[in-house]
Amino acid sequence: MKNLKKEINTEEIENLIPHRKPFLLIDKLIEIVPMISATGVMNIKKMIFFLMVISQVNQ
């Protein structure tokens, strides 16, 4: 199968799936093999506050 070279950003991802921030845990897709796999990137610095709040709730 052929890989798609185009990167997909957050806005395009939101057009494909129903998830939204803070539950959209993908910032961009960098490699896509249709119907097989995809490699995504998540910027952890953007999620620090959300992760801190979740860890406080779970204590």
PDB file of N, CA and C in Angstrom:
ATOM      1  N   MET A   1       0.824  -1.187   0.000  1.00  0.00           N
ATOM      2  CA  MET A   1       0.000   0.000   0.000  1.00  0.00           C
ATOM      3  C   MET A   1       0.865   1.247   0.000  1.00  0.00           C
ATOM      4  N   LYS A   2       0.387   2.253  -0.627  1.00  0.00           N
ATOM      5  CA  LYS A   2       1.122   3.504  -0.742  1.00  0.00           C
ATOM      6  C   LYS A   2       0.851   4.394   0.473  1.00  0.00           C
ATOM      7  N   ASN A   3       1.914   4.974   1.024  1.00  0.00           N
ATOM      8  CA  ASN A   3       1.776   5.928   2.120  1.00  0.00           C
ATOM      9  C   ASN A   3       1.351   7.279   1.562  1.00  0.00           C
ATOM     10  N   LEU A   4       0.517   7.990   2.313  1.00  0.00           N
ATOM     11  CA  LEU A   4       0.189   9.361   1.959  1.00  0.00           C
ATOM     12  C   LEU A   4       1.252  10.257   2.579  1.00  0.00           C
ATOM     13  N   LYS A   5       1.834  11.144   1.823  1.00  0.00           N
ATOM     14  CA  LYS A   5       2.919  11.996   2.316  1.00  0.00           C
ATOM     15  C   LYS A   5       2.404  13.227   3.052  1.00  0.00           C
ATOM     16  N   LYS A   6       1.173  13.620   2.793  1.00  0.00           N
ATOM     17  CA  LYS A   6       0.625  14.837   3.365  1.00  0.00           C
ATOM     18  C   LYS A   6       0.429  14.700   4.870  1.00  0.00           C
ATOM     19  N   GLU A   7       0.858  15.707   5.635  1.00  0.00           N
ATOM     20  CA  GLU A   7       0.559  15.754   7.061  1.00  0.00           C
ATOM     21  C   GLU A   7      -0.858  16.281   7.235  1.00  0.00           C
ATOM     22  N   ILE A   8      -1.530  15.799   8.246  1.00  0.00           N
ATOM     23  CA  ILE A   8      -2.891  16.246   8.538  1.00  0.00           C
ATOM     24  C   ILE A   8      -2.860  16.969   9.875  1.00  0.00           C
ATOM     25  N   ASN A   9      -3.325  18.226   9.894  1.00  0.00           N
ATOM     26  CA  ASN A   9      -3.280  19.020  11.119  1.00  0.00           C
ATOM     27  C   ASN A   9      -4.545  18.823  11.958  1.00  0.00           C
ATOM     28  N   THR A  10      -4.592  19.487  13.106  1.00  0.00           N
ATOM     29  CA  THR A  10      -5.692  19.322  14.055  1.00  0.00           C
ATOM     30  C   THR A  10      -7.048  19.644  13.431  1.00  0.00           C
ATOM     31  N   GLU A  11      -7.127  20.717  12.684  1.00  0.00           N
ATOM     32  CA  GLU A  11      -8.399  21.110  12.063  1.00  0.00           C
ATOM     33  C   GLU A  11      -8.910  20.017  11.122  1.00  0.00           C
ATOM     34  N   GLU A  12      -8.025  19.458  10.330  1.00  0.00           N
ATOM     35  CA  GLU A  12      -8.416  18.389   9.408  1.00  0.00           C
ATOM     36  C   GLU A  12      -8.803  17.117  10.167  1.00  0.00           C
ATOM     37  N   ILE A  13      -8.105  16.835  11.268  1.00  0.00           N
ATOM     38  CA  ILE A  13      -8.444  15.668  12.090  1.00  0.00           C
ATOM     39  C   ILE A  13      -9.844  15.828  12.666  1.00  0.00           C
ATOM     40  N   GLU A  14     -10.172  17.041  13.147  1.00  0.00           N
ATOM     41  CA  GLU A  14     -11.502  17.292  13.707  1.00  0.00           C
ATOM     42  C   GLU A  14     -12.601  17.120  12.660  1.00  0.00           C
ATOM     43  N   ASN A  15     -12.281  17.288  11.394  1.00  0.00           N
ATOM     44  CA  ASN A  15     -13.260  17.044  10.334  1.00  0.00           C
ATOM     45  C   ASN A  15     -13.473  15.553  10.086  1.00  0.00           C
ATOM     46  N   LEU A  16     -12.525  14.730  10.536  1.00  0.00           N
ATOM     47  CA  LEU A  16     -12.606  13.284  10.302  1.00  0.00           C
ATOM     48  C   LEU A  16     -13.216  12.502  11.462  1.00  0.00           C
ATOM     49  N   ILE A  17     -12.986  12.966  12.699  1.00  0.00           N
ATOM     50  CA  ILE A  17     -13.471  12.227  13.871  1.00  0.00           C
ATOM     51  C   ILE A  17     -14.242  13.167  14.793  1.00  0.00           C
ATOM     52  N   PRO A  18     -15.117  12.637  15.659  1.00  0.00           N
ATOM     53  CA  PRO A  18     -15.957  13.487  16.502  1.00  0.00           C
ATOM     54  C   PRO A  18     -15.262  14.053  17.739  1.00  0.00           C
ATOM     55  N   HIS A  19     -14.077  13.613  18.079  1.00  0.00           N
ATOM     56  CA  HIS A  19     -13.403  14.040  19.303  1.00  0.00           C
ATOM     57  C   HIS A  19     -12.950  15.495  19.210  1.00  0.00           C
ATOM     58  N   ARG A  20     -13.036  16.203  20.341  1.00  0.00           N
ATOM     59  CA  ARG A  20     -12.597  17.591  20.433  1.00  0.00           C
ATOM     60  C   ARG A  20     -11.719  17.742  21.663  1.00  0.00           C
ATOM     61  N   LYS A  21     -10.979  18.835  21.721  1.00  0.00           N
ATOM     62  CA  LYS A  21     -10.121  19.105  22.871  1.00  0.00           C
ATOM     63  C   LYS A  21     -10.982  19.226  24.122  1.00  0.00           C
ATOM     64  N   PRO A  22     -10.586  18.742  25.259  1.00  0.00           N
ATOM     65  CA  PRO A  22      -9.285  18.185  25.588  1.00  0.00           C
ATOM     66  C   PRO A  22      -9.175  16.685  25.313  1.00  0.00           C
ATOM     67  N   PHE A  23     -10.178  16.098  24.708  1.00  0.00           N
ATOM     68  CA  PHE A  23     -10.158  14.654  24.475  1.00  0.00           C
ATOM     69  C   PHE A  23      -9.596  14.272  23.106  1.00  0.00           C
ATOM     70  N   LEU A  24      -9.285  15.254  22.299  1.00  0.00           N
ATOM     71  CA  LEU A  24      -8.607  15.002  21.028  1.00  0.00           C
ATOM     72  C   LEU A  24      -7.122  14.907  21.336  1.00  0.00           C
ATOM     73  N   LEU A  25      -6.603  13.718  21.395  1.00  0.00           N
ATOM     74  CA  LEU A  25      -5.230  13.503  21.849  1.00  0.00           C
ATOM     75  C   LEU A  25      -4.248  13.366  20.686  1.00  0.00           C
ATOM     76  N   ILE A  26      -4.548  14.046  19.588  1.00  0.00           N
ATOM     77  CA  ILE A  26      -3.682  14.040  18.406  1.00  0.00           C
ATOM     78  C   ILE A  26      -3.556  15.482  17.930  1.00  0.00           C
ATOM     79  N   ASP A  27      -2.331  15.952  17.724  1.00  0.00           N
ATOM     80  CA  ASP A  27      -2.129  17.291  17.166  1.00  0.00           C
ATOM     81  C   ASP A  27      -1.946  17.261  15.658  1.00  0.00           C
ATOM     82  N   LYS A  28      -1.321  16.204  15.153  1.00  0.00           N
ATOM     83  CA  LYS A  28      -1.201  16.047  13.703  1.00  0.00           C
ATOM     84  C   LYS A  28      -0.866  14.598  13.385  1.00  0.00           C
ATOM     85  N   LEU A  29      -1.209  14.197  12.183  1.00  0.00           N
ATOM     86  CA  LEU A  29      -0.826  12.884  11.670  1.00  0.00           C
ATOM     87  C   LEU A  29       0.320  13.108  10.701  1.00  0.00           C
ATOM     88  N   ILE A  30       1.382  12.314  10.841  1.00  0.00           N
ATOM     89  CA  ILE A  30       2.557  12.545   9.999  1.00  0.00           C
ATOM     90  C   ILE A  30       2.792  11.447   8.976  1.00  0.00           C
ATOM     91  N   GLU A  31       2.181  10.285   9.168  1.00  0.00           N
ATOM     92  CA  GLU A  31       2.323   9.200   8.189  1.00  0.00           C
ATOM     93  C   GLU A  31       1.039   8.380   8.203  1.00  0.00           C
ATOM     94  N   ILE A  32       0.465   8.162   7.037  1.00  0.00           N
ATOM     95  CA  ILE A  32      -0.792   7.422   6.928  1.00  0.00           C
ATOM     96  C   ILE A  32      -0.642   6.334   5.884  1.00  0.00           C
ATOM     97  N   VAL A  33      -0.998   5.130   6.273  1.00  0.00           N
ATOM     98  CA  VAL A  33      -1.101   4.009   5.336  1.00  0.00           C
ATOM     99  C   VAL A  33      -2.589   3.657   5.343  1.00  0.00           C
ATOM    100  N   PRO A  34      -3.331   4.023   4.295  1.00  0.00           N
ATOM    101  CA  PRO A  34      -4.784   3.852   4.299  1.00  0.00           C
ATOM    102  C   PRO A  34      -5.228   2.444   4.696  1.00  0.00           C
ATOM    103  N   MET A  35      -6.180   2.406   5.623  1.00  0.00           N
ATOM    104  CA  MET A  35      -6.802   1.175   6.116  1.00  0.00           C
ATOM    105  C   MET A  35      -5.822   0.267   6.864  1.00  0.00           C
ATOM    106  N   ILE A  36      -4.597   0.728   7.133  1.00  0.00           N
ATOM    107  CA  ILE A  36      -3.601  -0.084   7.837  1.00  0.00           C
ATOM    108  C   ILE A  36      -3.143   0.601   9.125  1.00  0.00           C
ATOM    109  N   SER A  37      -2.566   1.797   9.009  1.00  0.00           N
ATOM    110  CA  SER A  37      -2.009   2.456  10.190  1.00  0.00           C
ATOM    111  C   SER A  37      -1.853   3.955   9.961  1.00  0.00           C
ATOM    112  N   ALA A  38      -1.582   4.643  11.068  1.00  0.00           N
ATOM    113  CA  ALA A  38      -1.265   6.067  11.013  1.00  0.00           C
ATOM    114  C   ALA A  38      -0.334   6.382  12.176  1.00  0.00           C
ATOM    115  N   THR A  39       0.555   7.337  11.962  1.00  0.00           N
ATOM    116  CA  THR A  39       1.459   7.790  13.015  1.00  0.00           C
ATOM    117  C   THR A  39       1.071   9.211  13.371  1.00  0.00           C
ATOM    118  N   GLY A  40       0.763   9.432  14.646  1.00  0.00           N
ATOM    119  CA  GLY A  40       0.330  10.741  15.097  1.00  0.00           C
ATOM    120  C   GLY A  40       1.306  11.369  16.067  1.00  0.00           C
ATOM    121  N   VAL A  41       1.160  12.676  16.247  1.00  0.00           N
ATOM    122  CA  VAL A  41       1.989  13.444  17.170  1.00  0.00           C
ATOM    123  C   VAL A  41       1.066  14.197  18.110  1.00  0.00           C
ATOM    124  N   MET A  42       1.409  14.178  19.409  1.00  0.00           N
ATOM    125  CA  MET A  42       0.665  14.932  20.411  1.00  0.00           C
ATOM    126  C   MET A  42       1.645  15.826  21.149  1.00  0.00           C
ATOM    127  N   ASN A  43       1.347  17.114  21.240  1.00  0.00           N
ATOM    128  CA  ASN A  43       2.191  18.066  21.951  1.00  0.00           C
ATOM    129  C   ASN A  43       1.859  17.983  23.435  1.00  0.00           C
ATOM    130  N   ILE A  44       2.749  17.397  24.220  1.00  0.00           N
ATOM    131  CA  ILE A  44       2.510  17.192  25.646  1.00  0.00           C
ATOM    132  C   ILE A  44       2.398  18.510  26.401  1.00  0.00           C
ATOM    133  N   LYS A  45       3.167  19.522  26.036  1.00  0.00           N
ATOM    134  CA  LYS A  45       3.123  20.797  26.751  1.00  0.00           C
ATOM    135  C   LYS A  45       1.721  21.390  26.761  1.00  0.00           C
ATOM    136  N   LYS A  46       0.976  21.225  25.682  1.00  0.00           N
ATOM    137  CA  LYS A  46      -0.396  21.732  25.626  1.00  0.00           C
ATOM    138  C   LYS A  46      -1.306  20.990  26.596  1.00  0.00           C
ATOM    139  N   MET A  47      -0.967  19.747  26.920  1.00  0.00           N
ATOM    140  CA  MET A  47      -1.835  18.896  27.729  1.00  0.00           C
ATOM    141  C   MET A  47      -1.484  18.906  29.218  1.00  0.00           C
ATOM    142  N   ILE A  48      -0.440  19.596  29.636  1.00  0.00           N
ATOM    143  CA  ILE A  48       0.025  19.523  31.020  1.00  0.00           C
ATOM    144  C   ILE A  48      -1.082  19.891  32.005  1.00  0.00           C
ATOM    145  N   PHE A  49      -1.774  21.010  31.795  1.00  0.00           N
ATOM    146  CA  PHE A  49      -2.828  21.421  32.727  1.00  0.00           C
ATOM    147  C   PHE A  49      -3.920  20.361  32.813  1.00  0.00           C
ATOM    148  N   PHE A  50      -4.371  19.872  31.673  1.00  0.00           N
ATOM    149  CA  PHE A  50      -5.407  18.843  31.647  1.00  0.00           C
ATOM    150  C   PHE A  50      -4.952  17.600  32.395  1.00  0.00           C
ATOM    151  N   LEU A  51      -3.727  17.155  32.173  1.00  0.00           N
ATOM    152  CA  LEU A  51      -3.216  15.962  32.834  1.00  0.00           C
ATOM    153  C   LEU A  51      -3.072  16.178  34.333  1.00  0.00           C
ATOM    154  N   MET A  52      -2.690  17.385  34.753  1.00  0.00           N
ATOM    155  CA  MET A  52      -2.579  17.688  36.181  1.00  0.00           C
ATOM    156  C   MET A  52      -3.947  17.633  36.842  1.00  0.00           C
ATOM    157  N   VAL A  53      -4.966  18.173  36.197  1.00  0.00           N
ATOM    158  CA  VAL A  53      -6.325  18.149  36.747  1.00  0.00           C
ATOM    159  C   VAL A  53      -6.819  16.718  36.865  1.00  0.00           C
ATOM    160  N   ILE A  54      -6.623  15.918  35.844  1.00  0.00           N
ATOM    161  CA  ILE A  54      -7.057  14.521  35.877  1.00  0.00           C
ATOM    162  C   ILE A  54      -6.356  13.770  37.002  1.00  0.00           C
ATOM    163  N   SER A  55      -5.069  13.998  37.196  1.00  0.00           N
ATOM    164  CA  SER A  55      -4.349  13.285  38.257  1.00  0.00           C
ATOM    165  C   SER A  55      -4.852  13.705  39.632  1.00  0.00           C
ATOM    166  N   GLN A  56      -5.267  14.959  39.805  1.00  0.00           N
ATOM    167  CA  GLN A  56      -5.818  15.415  41.082  1.00  0.00           C
ATOM    168  C   GLN A  56      -7.168  14.763  41.357  1.00  0.00           C
ATOM    169  N   VAL A  57      -7.989  14.611  40.351  1.00  0.00           N
ATOM    170  CA  VAL A  57      -9.314  13.999  40.496  1.00  0.00           C
ATOM    171  C   VAL A  57      -9.186  12.531  40.883  1.00  0.00           C
ATOM    172  N   ASN A  58      -8.183  11.857  40.368  1.00  0.00           N
ATOM    173  CA  ASN A  58      -8.018  10.424  40.611  1.00  0.00           C
ATOM    174  C   ASN A  58      -7.358  10.094  41.941  1.00  0.00           C
ATOM    175  N   GLN A  59      -6.998  11.090  42.743  1.00  0.00           N
ATOM    176  CA  GLN A  59      -6.347  10.807  44.035  1.00  0.00           C
ATOM    177  C   GLN A  59      -7.352  10.520  45.112  1.00  0.00           C
TER     178      GLN A  59
END
